[in-house]
Amino acid sequence: MKFSLEKLKFGLFKTKENLLGRISQAVGLHKKIDQELLDELEEILIKADVGPSTTVRIVEGVKKEATKNKIEASEKVIGLLKDQVTSILTAGETSSNDLFSPHVIMMVGVNGTGKTTSIAKLAKDFKDQGKKVLMAACDTFRAAAGEQLEIWAKRVGVEMVKSMPNQDPASVAFDAINSASARGLDVVIADTAGRLHTKVNLMEELKKIKRVMGKALSGAPHEVLLVIDATTGQNGLSQVRMFNDAVGITGIFLTKLDGTAKGGIMIAIADEFKVPVRYIGLGEKPEDFQKFDPVWFAEALFT
């Protein structure tokens, strides 16, 4: 996908207005970086869903750098904030493990986060790179899930392994990986359930799918991406904790960033879990997403 700073800035508009707008107001009321200004920054960051512990870490970092470098002018605080946020977002960065063929991606997340659309976006991007992609409909508990995935598969022009009603989700993943391996396909993207019937434990089901993927292909899944709706704010932290404990997520796909003023949640996630944000969704169309770049994110947010 082609990186666009303008598209990123547009997607971050509400968060930026909520964060930078208020910070600029606070800076305008102070000549120096004093405790009163730092207290105001703390309140602004918390309201932007950066989270209490991460906010304290950022503000303490700003104070430390300002003192160490004898920075007093209040307008300099925005640059200091940008540096702190960039540092947090880059701390959990790891390279994507895309050396395997087929490269298997397991997509997880609660229903309503935009998981199916995110799968379609990834599939289209891989296809545009000249790779042969296979979608796997491993959410066999919700009839509409497979139908939605099939619509997207046709729309972006990739193949899909369908499932039978109430088929074991792990067996769908197994069949998809075997099919991709036999036919020399490059990428398998597996959809999974976000909610199951009360008799079945979702996390146990996801663990089973992951185990079976590893039996179908050594090292699979090579990526476990958690899809989070940016508008959920701090609830996103509990989702990361829950899915990470179960299947060890390797990255975040943050959706609906263009529709919220609380994009600060990704800073809190990166700080608390050291899990990198891999992609950000900036709209409904297949091309409305970008690979996440922490430096450009901070640049778009604070300038």
C-alpha atoms as a PDB file:
ATOM      1  CA  MET A   1       0.000   0.000   0.000  1.00  0.00           C
ATOM      2  CA  LYS A   2       1.142   3.542  -0.669  1.00  0.00           C
ATOM      3  CA  PHE A   3       1.765   5.592   2.462  1.00  0.00           C
ATOM      4  CA  SER A   4      -0.082   8.910   2.594  1.00  0.00           C
ATOM      5  CA  LEU A   5       0.649  11.430   5.340  1.00  0.00           C
ATOM      6  CA  GLU A   6      -2.396  13.426   4.250  1.00  0.00           C
ATOM      7  CA  LYS A   7      -4.673  10.393   4.630  1.00  0.00           C
ATOM      8  CA  LEU A   8      -3.144   9.702   8.043  1.00  0.00           C
ATOM      9  CA  LYS A   9      -3.687  13.307   9.138  1.00  0.00           C
ATOM     10  CA  PHE A  10      -7.284  13.154   7.923  1.00  0.00           C
ATOM     11  CA  GLY A  11      -7.886   9.924   9.837  1.00  0.00           C
ATOM     12  CA  LEU A  12      -6.373  11.397  12.979  1.00  0.00           C
ATOM     13  CA  PHE A  13      -8.288  14.672  12.706  1.00  0.00           C
ATOM     14  CA  LYS A  14     -10.674  14.041  15.616  1.00  0.00           C
ATOM     15  CA  THR A  15      -7.963  12.679  17.900  1.00  0.00           C
ATOM     16  CA  LYS A  16      -5.619  15.514  16.946  1.00  0.00           C
ATOM     17  CA  GLU A  17      -8.311  18.126  17.561  1.00  0.00           C
ATOM     18  CA  ASN A  18      -9.031  16.566  20.947  1.00  0.00           C
ATOM     19  CA  LEU A  19      -5.361  16.278  21.909  1.00  0.00           C
ATOM     20  CA  LEU A  20      -3.259  18.921  20.160  1.00  0.00           C
ATOM     21  CA  GLY A  21      -6.045  21.504  20.232  1.00  0.00           C
ATOM     22  CA  ARG A  22      -6.324  21.292  24.013  1.00  0.00           C
ATOM     23  CA  ILE A  23      -2.564  21.107  24.508  1.00  0.00           C
ATOM     24  CA  SER A  24      -2.075  24.236  22.394  1.00  0.00           C
ATOM     25  CA  GLN A  25      -4.696  26.030  24.481  1.00  0.00           C
ATOM     26  CA  ALA A  26      -2.924  25.032  27.689  1.00  0.00           C
ATOM     27  CA  VAL A  27       0.471  26.061  26.297  1.00  0.00           C
ATOM     28  CA  GLY A  28      -0.959  29.477  25.369  1.00  0.00           C
ATOM     29  CA  LEU A  29      -1.878  30.108  28.997  1.00  0.00           C
ATOM     30  CA  HIS A  30       1.635  29.420  30.310  1.00  0.00           C
ATOM     31  CA  LYS A  31       4.986  31.012  29.547  1.00  0.00           C
ATOM     32  CA  LYS A  32       7.048  28.258  31.136  1.00  0.00           C
ATOM     33  CA  ILE A  33       6.910  24.498  31.538  1.00  0.00           C
ATOM     34  CA  ASP A  34       5.781  24.483  35.153  1.00  0.00           C
ATOM     35  CA  GLN A  35       3.927  21.991  37.339  1.00  0.00           C
ATOM     36  CA  GLU A  36       0.577  23.596  36.589  1.00  0.00           C
ATOM     37  CA  LEU A  37       1.087  23.072  32.839  1.00  0.00           C
ATOM     38  CA  LEU A  38       2.219  19.480  33.413  1.00  0.00           C
ATOM     39  CA  ASP A  39      -0.906  18.817  35.487  1.00  0.00           C
ATOM     40  CA  GLU A  40      -3.063  20.172  32.666  1.00  0.00           C
ATOM     41  CA  LEU A  41      -1.238  17.961  30.149  1.00  0.00           C
ATOM     42  CA  GLU A  42      -1.923  14.957  32.346  1.00  0.00           C
ATOM     43  CA  GLU A  43      -5.649  15.673  32.366  1.00  0.00           C
ATOM     44  CA  ILE A  44      -5.728  16.202  28.572  1.00  0.00           C
ATOM     45  CA  LEU A  45      -3.901  12.927  27.855  1.00  0.00           C
ATOM     46  CA  ILE A  46      -6.190  10.923  30.124  1.00  0.00           C
ATOM     47  CA  LYS A  47      -9.269  12.385  28.394  1.00  0.00           C
ATOM     48  CA  ALA A  48      -7.778  11.311  25.043  1.00  0.00           C
ATOM     49  CA  ASP A  49      -7.744   7.711  26.366  1.00  0.00           C
ATOM     50  CA  VAL A  50      -3.980   7.495  26.699  1.00  0.00           C
ATOM     51  CA  GLY A  51      -4.646   5.903  30.097  1.00  0.00           C
ATOM     52  CA  PRO A  52      -3.513   6.863  33.624  1.00  0.00           C
ATOM     53  CA  SER A  53      -0.252   4.895  33.900  1.00  0.00           C
ATOM     54  CA  THR A  54       0.911   5.743  30.373  1.00  0.00           C
ATOM     55  CA  THR A  55      -0.002   9.389  30.915  1.00  0.00           C
ATOM     56  CA  VAL A  56       2.112   9.550  34.074  1.00  0.00           C
ATOM     57  CA  ARG A  57       5.030   7.966  32.196  1.00  0.00           C
ATOM     58  CA  ILE A  58       4.751  10.513  29.369  1.00  0.00           C
ATOM     59  CA  VAL A  59       4.437  13.561  31.626  1.00  0.00           C
ATOM     60  CA  GLU A  60       7.322  12.409  33.828  1.00  0.00           C
ATOM     61  CA  GLY A  61       9.402  11.919  30.683  1.00  0.00           C
ATOM     62  CA  VAL A  62       8.580  15.438  29.490  1.00  0.00           C
ATOM     63  CA  LYS A  63       9.499  16.887  32.882  1.00  0.00           C
ATOM     64  CA  LYS A  64      12.780  14.948  33.002  1.00  0.00           C
ATOM     65  CA  GLU A  65      13.843  16.008  29.488  1.00  0.00           C
ATOM     66  CA  ALA A  66      12.877  19.635  30.097  1.00  0.00           C
ATOM     67  CA  THR A  67      14.895  19.739  33.323  1.00  0.00           C
ATOM     68  CA  LYS A  68      17.907  17.900  31.875  1.00  0.00           C
ATOM     69  CA  ASN A  69      18.117  20.113  28.793  1.00  0.00           C
ATOM     70  CA  LYS A  70      17.086  23.320  30.591  1.00  0.00           C
ATOM     71  CA  ILE A  71      14.040  23.765  28.374  1.00  0.00           C
ATOM     72  CA  GLU A  72      11.673  26.343  29.855  1.00  0.00           C
ATOM     73  CA  ALA A  73       9.512  27.798  27.051  1.00  0.00           C
ATOM     74  CA  SER A  74       6.009  26.333  27.204  1.00  0.00           C
ATOM     75  CA  GLU A  75       5.704  25.968  23.398  1.00  0.00           C
ATOM     76  CA  LYS A  76       8.572  23.457  23.467  1.00  0.00           C
ATOM     77  CA  VAL A  77       6.388  21.014  25.398  1.00  0.00           C
ATOM     78  CA  ILE A  78       4.659  19.782  22.206  1.00  0.00           C
ATOM     79  CA  GLY A  79       7.974  18.599  20.741  1.00  0.00           C
ATOM     80  CA  LEU A  80       8.830  16.898  24.031  1.00  0.00           C
ATOM     81  CA  LEU A  81       5.455  15.141  24.036  1.00  0.00           C
ATOM     82  CA  LYS A  82       5.991  13.971  20.460  1.00  0.00           C
ATOM     83  CA  ASP A  83       9.355  12.469  21.420  1.00  0.00           C
ATOM     84  CA  GLN A  84       7.847  10.616  24.387  1.00  0.00           C
ATOM     85  CA  VAL A  85       4.975   9.192  22.322  1.00  0.00           C
ATOM     86  CA  THR A  86       7.329   8.131  19.515  1.00  0.00           C
ATOM     87  CA  SER A  87       9.552   6.376  22.053  1.00  0.00           C
ATOM     88  CA  ILE A  88       6.614   4.414  23.491  1.00  0.00           C
ATOM     89  CA  LEU A  89       5.241   3.427  20.082  1.00  0.00           C
ATOM     90  CA  THR A  90       8.609   2.226  18.771  1.00  0.00           C
ATOM     91  CA  ALA A  91       9.490   0.229  21.913  1.00  0.00           C
ATOM     92  CA  GLY A  92       7.299  -2.728  20.918  1.00  0.00           C
ATOM     93  CA  GLU A  93       8.130  -2.658  17.209  1.00  0.00           C
ATOM     94  CA  THR A  94       9.196  -5.977  15.707  1.00  0.00           C
ATOM     95  CA  SER A  95       9.595  -6.984  12.089  1.00  0.00           C
ATOM     96  CA  SER A  96       6.729  -8.913  10.538  1.00  0.00           C
ATOM     97  CA  ASN A  97       7.505 -12.616  10.174  1.00  0.00           C
ATOM     98  CA  ASP A  98       6.702 -12.903   6.459  1.00  0.00           C
ATOM     99  CA  LEU A  99       9.465 -15.275   5.335  1.00  0.00           C
ATOM    100  CA  PHE A 100       7.237 -18.356   5.377  1.00  0.00           C
ATOM    101  CA  SER A 101       5.202 -19.535   2.418  1.00  0.00           C
ATOM    102  CA  PRO A 102       2.358 -19.711   2.812  1.00  0.00           C
ATOM    103  CA  HIS A 103       2.442 -16.841   5.289  1.00  0.00           C
ATOM    104  CA  VAL A 104      -0.395 -17.607   7.722  1.00  0.00           C
ATOM    105  CA  ILE A 105      -2.219 -14.775   9.478  1.00  0.00           C
ATOM    106  CA  MET A 106      -4.764 -15.520  12.203  1.00  0.00           C
ATOM    107  CA  MET A 107      -7.202 -12.642  12.734  1.00  0.00           C
ATOM    108  CA  VAL A 108      -8.880 -12.403  16.135  1.00  0.00           C
ATOM    109  CA  GLY A 109     -11.145  -9.907  17.875  1.00  0.00           C
ATOM    110  CA  VAL A 110     -14.639  -9.426  19.268  1.00  0.00           C
ATOM    111  CA  ASN A 111     -17.582  -9.040  16.899  1.00  0.00           C
ATOM    112  CA  GLY A 112     -18.283  -5.546  15.619  1.00  0.00           C
ATOM    113  CA  THR A 113     -14.676  -4.369  15.437  1.00  0.00           C
ATOM    114  CA  GLY A 114     -14.492  -4.475  11.637  1.00  0.00           C
ATOM    115  CA  LYS A 115     -12.567  -7.746  11.473  1.00  0.00           C
ATOM    116  CA  THR A 116     -14.039  -8.955   8.169  1.00  0.00           C
ATOM    117  CA  THR A 117     -13.379  -5.614   6.468  1.00  0.00           C
ATOM    118  CA  SER A 118      -9.833  -5.614   7.851  1.00  0.00           C
ATOM    119  CA  ILE A 119      -9.231  -9.085   6.395  1.00  0.00           C
ATOM    120  CA  ALA A 120     -10.423  -7.819   3.011  1.00  0.00           C
ATOM    121  CA  LYS A 121      -8.088  -4.824   3.232  1.00  0.00           C
ATOM    122  CA  LEU A 122      -5.101  -7.048   3.973  1.00  0.00           C
ATOM    123  CA  ALA A 123      -6.071  -9.498   1.232  1.00  0.00           C
ATOM    124  CA  LYS A 124      -6.311  -6.726  -1.354  1.00  0.00           C
ATOM    125  CA  ASP A 125      -2.970  -5.271  -0.292  1.00  0.00           C
ATOM    126  CA  PHE A 126      -1.200  -8.638  -0.588  1.00  0.00           C
ATOM    127  CA  LYS A 127      -2.877  -9.230  -3.954  1.00  0.00           C
ATOM    128  CA  ASP A 128      -1.737  -5.801  -5.165  1.00  0.00           C
ATOM    129  CA  GLN A 129       1.806  -6.889  -4.265  1.00  0.00           C
ATOM    130  CA  GLY A 130       1.401  -9.791  -6.692  1.00  0.00           C
ATOM    131  CA  LYS A 131       0.805 -12.438  -4.022  1.00  0.00           C
ATOM    132  CA  LYS A 132      -1.732 -15.253  -4.218  1.00  0.00           C
ATOM    133  CA  VAL A 133      -4.095 -15.011  -1.257  1.00  0.00           C
ATOM    134  CA  LEU A 134      -6.511 -17.472   0.334  1.00  0.00           C
ATOM    135  CA  MET A 135      -9.124 -16.460   2.914  1.00  0.00           C
ATOM    136  CA  ALA A 136     -10.316 -19.053   5.434  1.00  0.00           C
ATOM    137  CA  ALA A 137     -13.786 -18.774   6.982  1.00  0.00           C
ATOM    138  CA  CYS A 138     -13.030 -20.133  10.463  1.00  0.00           C
ATOM    139  CA  ASP A 139     -15.982 -18.391  12.142  1.00  0.00           C
ATOM    140  CA  THR A 140     -18.377 -21.308  11.707  1.00  0.00           C
ATOM    141  CA  PHE A 141     -20.680 -20.304  14.566  1.00  0.00           C
ATOM    142  CA  ARG A 142     -22.205 -17.272  12.840  1.00  0.00           C
ATOM    143  CA  ALA A 143     -23.805 -18.050   9.479  1.00  0.00           C
ATOM    144  CA  ALA A 144     -23.483 -14.466   8.256  1.00  0.00           C
ATOM    145  CA  ALA A 145     -19.727 -14.443   8.902  1.00  0.00           C
ATOM    146  CA  GLY A 146     -18.912 -16.793   6.037  1.00  0.00           C
ATOM    147  CA  GLU A 147     -21.313 -14.989   3.724  1.00  0.00           C
ATOM    148  CA  GLN A 148     -19.740 -11.606   4.493  1.00  0.00           C
ATOM    149  CA  LEU A 149     -16.257 -12.988   3.935  1.00  0.00           C
ATOM    150  CA  GLU A 150     -17.309 -14.529   0.619  1.00  0.00           C
ATOM    151  CA  ILE A 151     -18.683 -11.173  -0.586  1.00  0.00           C
ATOM    152  CA  TRP A 152     -15.380  -9.498   0.263  1.00  0.00           C
ATOM    153  CA  ALA A 153     -13.331 -12.300  -1.320  1.00  0.00           C
ATOM    154  CA  LYS A 154     -15.189 -11.805  -4.608  1.00  0.00           C
ATOM    155  CA  ARG A 155     -14.926  -8.032  -4.334  1.00  0.00           C
ATOM    156  CA  VAL A 156     -11.149  -7.970  -3.890  1.00  0.00           C
ATOM    157  CA  GLY A 157     -10.585 -10.938  -6.202  1.00  0.00           C
ATOM    158  CA  VAL A 158      -9.081 -13.609  -3.947  1.00  0.00           C
ATOM    159  CA  GLU A 159      -9.946 -17.237  -3.212  1.00  0.00           C
ATOM    160  CA  MET A 160     -11.670 -18.508  -0.098  1.00  0.00           C
ATOM    161  CA  VAL A 161     -12.116 -21.773   1.788  1.00  0.00           C
ATOM    162  CA  LYS A 162     -15.737 -21.945   2.928  1.00  0.00           C
ATOM    163  CA  SER A 163     -17.031 -23.812   5.938  1.00  0.00           C
ATOM    164  CA  MET A 164     -20.054 -25.999   6.516  1.00  0.00           C
ATOM    165  CA  PRO A 165     -22.553 -24.962   9.225  1.00  0.00           C
ATOM    166  CA  ASN A 166     -21.142 -25.829  12.666  1.00  0.00           C
ATOM    167  CA  GLN A 167     -17.976 -27.327  11.150  1.00  0.00           C
ATOM    168  CA  ASP A 168     -15.014 -27.441  13.509  1.00  0.00           C
ATOM    169  CA  PRO A 169     -13.265 -24.070  12.921  1.00  0.00           C
ATOM    170  CA  ALA A 170      -9.843 -25.643  13.410  1.00  0.00           C
ATOM    171  CA  SER A 171     -10.510 -28.100  10.578  1.00  0.00           C
ATOM    172  CA  VAL A 172     -11.278 -25.187   8.225  1.00  0.00           C
ATOM    173  CA  ALA A 173      -7.927 -23.612   9.115  1.00  0.00           C
ATOM    174  CA  PHE A 174      -6.176 -26.956   8.608  1.00  0.00           C
ATOM    175  CA  ASP A 175      -7.777 -27.467   5.178  1.00  0.00           C
ATOM    176  CA  ALA A 176      -6.964 -23.909   4.090  1.00  0.00           C
ATOM    177  CA  ILE A 177      -3.282 -24.181   5.009  1.00  0.00           C
ATOM    178  CA  ASN A 178      -2.940 -27.596   3.349  1.00  0.00           C
ATOM    179  CA  SER A 179      -4.648 -26.284   0.215  1.00  0.00           C
ATOM    180  CA  ALA A 180      -2.409 -23.199   0.095  1.00  0.00           C
ATOM    181  CA  SER A 181       0.722 -25.315   0.599  1.00  0.00           C
ATOM    182  CA  ALA A 182      -0.246 -27.805  -2.114  1.00  0.00           C
ATOM    183  CA  ARG A 183      -1.098 -25.095  -4.632  1.00  0.00           C
ATOM    184  CA  GLY A 184       1.824 -22.779  -3.951  1.00  0.00           C
ATOM    185  CA  LEU A 185      -0.253 -19.887  -2.606  1.00  0.00           C
ATOM    186  CA  ASP A 186       1.544 -17.130  -0.726  1.00  0.00           C
ATOM    187  CA  VAL A 187      -0.773 -15.943   2.047  1.00  0.00           C
ATOM    188  CA  VAL A 188      -3.559 -17.461   4.164  1.00  0.00           C
ATOM    189  CA  ILE A 189      -5.731 -15.074   6.193  1.00  0.00           C
ATOM    190  CA  ALA A 190      -8.044 -16.817   8.662  1.00  0.00           C
ATOM    191  CA  ASP A 191     -11.166 -15.197  10.068  1.00  0.00           C
ATOM    192  CA  THR A 192     -12.181 -16.414  13.543  1.00  0.00           C
ATOM    193  CA  ALA A 193     -15.205 -16.075  15.791  1.00  0.00           C
ATOM    194  CA  GLY A 194     -15.602 -13.069  18.059  1.00  0.00           C
ATOM    195  CA  ARG A 195     -18.381 -14.584  20.109  1.00  0.00           C
ATOM    196  CA  LEU A 196     -19.499 -18.193  20.531  1.00  0.00           C
ATOM    197  CA  HIS A 197     -22.529 -19.923  21.939  1.00  0.00           C
ATOM    198  CA  THR A 198     -22.486 -20.258  25.714  1.00  0.00           C
ATOM    199  CA  LYS A 199     -21.500 -23.926  25.558  1.00  0.00           C
ATOM    200  CA  VAL A 200     -18.208 -23.135  23.872  1.00  0.00           C
ATOM    201  CA  ASN A 201     -15.380 -21.102  25.374  1.00  0.00           C
ATOM    202  CA  LEU A 202     -14.112 -18.626  22.778  1.00  0.00           C
ATOM    203  CA  MET A 203     -10.533 -18.517  24.030  1.00  0.00           C
ATOM    204  CA  GLU A 204     -10.257 -22.309  24.163  1.00  0.00           C
ATOM    205  CA  GLU A 205     -11.566 -22.464  20.589  1.00  0.00           C
ATOM    206  CA  LEU A 206      -8.958 -19.926  19.441  1.00  0.00           C
ATOM    207  CA  LYS A 207      -6.188 -21.843  21.209  1.00  0.00           C
ATOM    208  CA  LYS A 208      -7.279 -24.987  19.378  1.00  0.00           C
ATOM    209  CA  ILE A 209      -7.270 -23.219  15.989  1.00  0.00           C
ATOM    210  CA  LYS A 210      -3.762 -21.939  16.659  1.00  0.00           C
ATOM    211  CA  ARG A 211      -2.528 -25.417  17.672  1.00  0.00           C
ATOM    212  CA  VAL A 212      -4.019 -27.034  14.576  1.00  0.00           C
ATOM    213  CA  MET A 213      -2.491 -24.365  12.335  1.00  0.00           C
ATOM    214  CA  GLY A 214       0.895 -25.328  13.751  1.00  0.00           C
ATOM    215  CA  LYS A 215       0.241 -28.978  12.906  1.00  0.00           C
ATOM    216  CA  ALA A 216      -0.716 -28.080   9.331  1.00  0.00           C
ATOM    217  CA  LEU A 217       2.423 -25.969   8.869  1.00  0.00           C
ATOM    218  CA  SER A 218       5.358 -25.665  11.244  1.00  0.00           C
ATOM    219  CA  GLY A 219       5.550 -22.170  12.723  1.00  0.00           C
ATOM    220  CA  ALA A 220       1.988 -21.224  11.760  1.00  0.00           C
ATOM    221  CA  PRO A 221       0.333 -18.888  12.445  1.00  0.00           C
ATOM    222  CA  HIS A 222       3.153 -16.477  11.632  1.00  0.00           C
ATOM    223  CA  GLU A 223       1.069 -13.499  12.694  1.00  0.00           C
ATOM    224  CA  VAL A 224      -1.811 -13.269  15.174  1.00  0.00           C
ATOM    225  CA  LEU A 225      -3.440  -9.895  14.590  1.00  0.00           C
ATOM    226  CA  LEU A 226      -5.984  -8.538  17.063  1.00  0.00           C
ATOM    227  CA  VAL A 227      -8.551  -6.215  15.500  1.00  0.00           C
ATOM    228  CA  ILE A 228      -9.622  -3.442  17.870  1.00  0.00           C
ATOM    229  CA  ASP A 229     -12.217  -0.737  17.281  1.00  0.00           C
ATOM    230  CA  ALA A 230     -10.534   2.566  18.208  1.00  0.00           C
ATOM    231  CA  THR A 231     -13.864   3.989  19.377  1.00  0.00           C
ATOM    232  CA  THR A 232     -13.970   1.509  22.292  1.00  0.00           C
ATOM    233  CA  GLY A 233     -11.282   3.500  24.107  1.00  0.00           C
ATOM    234  CA  GLN A 234      -9.976   1.977  27.326  1.00  0.00           C
ATOM    235  CA  ASN A 235     -12.028  -1.206  26.804  1.00  0.00           C
ATOM    236  CA  GLY A 236      -9.450  -2.021  24.158  1.00  0.00           C
ATOM    237  CA  LEU A 237      -6.898  -2.708  26.893  1.00  0.00           C
ATOM    238  CA  SER A 238      -8.977  -5.519  28.390  1.00  0.00           C
ATOM    239  CA  GLN A 239      -9.425  -7.008  24.905  1.00  0.00           C
ATOM    240  CA  VAL A 240      -5.662  -7.003  24.328  1.00  0.00           C
ATOM    241  CA  ARG A 241      -5.102  -8.653  27.701  1.00  0.00           C
ATOM    242  CA  MET A 242      -7.732 -11.344  27.083  1.00  0.00           C
ATOM    243  CA  PHE A 243      -6.618 -12.326  23.571  1.00  0.00           C
ATOM    244  CA  ASN A 244      -2.918 -11.979  24.320  1.00  0.00           C
ATOM    245  CA  ASP A 245      -3.178 -14.345  27.282  1.00  0.00           C
ATOM    246  CA  ALA A 246      -4.967 -16.901  25.105  1.00  0.00           C
ATOM    247  CA  VAL A 247      -3.137 -16.856  21.778  1.00  0.00           C
ATOM    248  CA  GLY A 248      -0.158 -14.502  22.104  1.00  0.00           C
ATOM    249  CA  ILE A 249      -0.975 -11.709  19.672  1.00  0.00           C
ATOM    250  CA  THR A 250       1.860 -10.365  17.516  1.00  0.00           C
ATOM    251  CA  GLY A 251       0.235  -7.135  16.414  1.00  0.00           C
ATOM    252  CA  ILE A 252      -2.786  -4.835  16.431  1.00  0.00           C
ATOM    253  CA  PHE A 253      -5.029  -3.768  13.556  1.00  0.00           C
ATOM    254  CA  LEU A 254      -6.732  -0.626  14.896  1.00  0.00           C
ATOM    255  CA  THR A 255      -9.948   0.138  13.011  1.00  0.00           C
ATOM    256  CA  LYS A 256     -12.286   3.149  12.781  1.00  0.00           C
ATOM    257  CA  LEU A 257      -9.533   5.569  13.779  1.00  0.00           C
ATOM    258  CA  ASP A 258     -11.143   8.192  11.558  1.00  0.00           C
ATOM    259  CA  GLY A 259     -14.344   8.053  13.619  1.00  0.00           C
ATOM    260  CA  THR A 260     -13.010   8.760  17.101  1.00  0.00           C
ATOM    261  CA  ALA A 261     -11.323  11.434  19.172  1.00  0.00           C
ATOM    262  CA  LYS A 262      -9.813   8.726  21.370  1.00  0.00           C
ATOM    263  CA  GLY A 263      -7.009   7.365  19.191  1.00  0.00           C
ATOM    264  CA  GLY A 264      -4.748   7.727  22.217  1.00  0.00           C
ATOM    265  CA  ILE A 265      -5.701   4.153  23.100  1.00  0.00           C
ATOM    266  CA  MET A 266      -2.960   2.841  20.800  1.00  0.00           C
ATOM    267  CA  ILE A 267      -0.348   4.662  22.889  1.00  0.00           C
ATOM    268  CA  ALA A 268      -1.685   2.969  26.025  1.00  0.00           C
ATOM    269  CA  ILE A 269      -1.668  -0.454  24.318  1.00  0.00           C
ATOM    270  CA  ALA A 270       1.905  -0.068  23.067  1.00  0.00           C
ATOM    271  CA  ASP A 271       3.067   1.076  26.502  1.00  0.00           C
ATOM    272  CA  GLU A 272       1.332  -1.589  28.580  1.00  0.00           C
ATOM    273  CA  PHE A 273       1.714  -4.647  26.353  1.00  0.00           C
ATOM    274  CA  LYS A 274       4.685  -3.837  24.078  1.00  0.00           C
ATOM    275  CA  VAL A 275       2.579  -5.194  21.211  1.00  0.00           C
ATOM    276  CA  PRO A 276       3.093  -3.230  17.989  1.00  0.00           C
ATOM    277  CA  VAL A 277       0.283  -1.611  16.064  1.00  0.00           C
ATOM    278  CA  ARG A 278       0.703  -3.101  12.573  1.00  0.00           C
ATOM    279  CA  TYR A 279      -2.127  -1.427  10.678  1.00  0.00           C
ATOM    280  CA  ILE A 280      -4.655   1.360  11.124  1.00  0.00           C
ATOM    281  CA  GLY A 281      -8.063   1.534   9.450  1.00  0.00           C
ATOM    282  CA  LEU A 282      -9.036   4.964   8.144  1.00  0.00           C
ATOM    283  CA  GLY A 283     -12.340   4.279   6.374  1.00  0.00           C
ATOM    284  CA  GLU A 284     -14.622   1.651   4.845  1.00  0.00           C
ATOM    285  CA  LYS A 285     -13.021   1.123   1.421  1.00  0.00           C
ATOM    286  CA  PRO A 286     -10.464  -1.688   0.912  1.00  0.00           C
ATOM    287  CA  GLU A 287      -7.720   0.886   0.323  1.00  0.00           C
ATOM    288  CA  ASP A 288      -8.610   2.927   3.440  1.00  0.00           C
ATOM    289  CA  PHE A 289      -5.886   1.627   5.722  1.00  0.00           C
ATOM    290  CA  GLN A 290      -2.165   2.027   6.218  1.00  0.00           C
ATOM    291  CA  LYS A 291       0.765   0.223   7.713  1.00  0.00           C
ATOM    292  CA  PHE A 292       1.432   1.857  11.029  1.00  0.00           C
ATOM    293  CA  ASP A 293       4.553   3.988  11.294  1.00  0.00           C
ATOM    294  CA  PRO A 294       5.117   5.339  14.828  1.00  0.00           C
ATOM    295  CA  VAL A 295       7.282   8.250  13.692  1.00  0.00           C
ATOM    296  CA  TRP A 296       4.769   9.441  11.111  1.00  0.00           C
ATOM    297  CA  PHE A 297       1.901   8.849  13.528  1.00  0.00           C
ATOM    298  CA  ALA A 298       3.496  11.140  16.116  1.00  0.00           C
ATOM    299  CA  GLU A 299       4.291  13.640  13.363  1.00  0.00           C
ATOM    300  CA  ALA A 300       0.670  13.670  12.177  1.00  0.00           C
ATOM    301  CA  LEU A 301      -0.650  13.932  15.722  1.00  0.00           C
ATOM    302  CA  PHE A 302       1.546  16.732  17.023  1.00  0.00           C
ATOM    303  CA  THR A 303       2.105  18.986  13.982  1.00  0.00           C
END
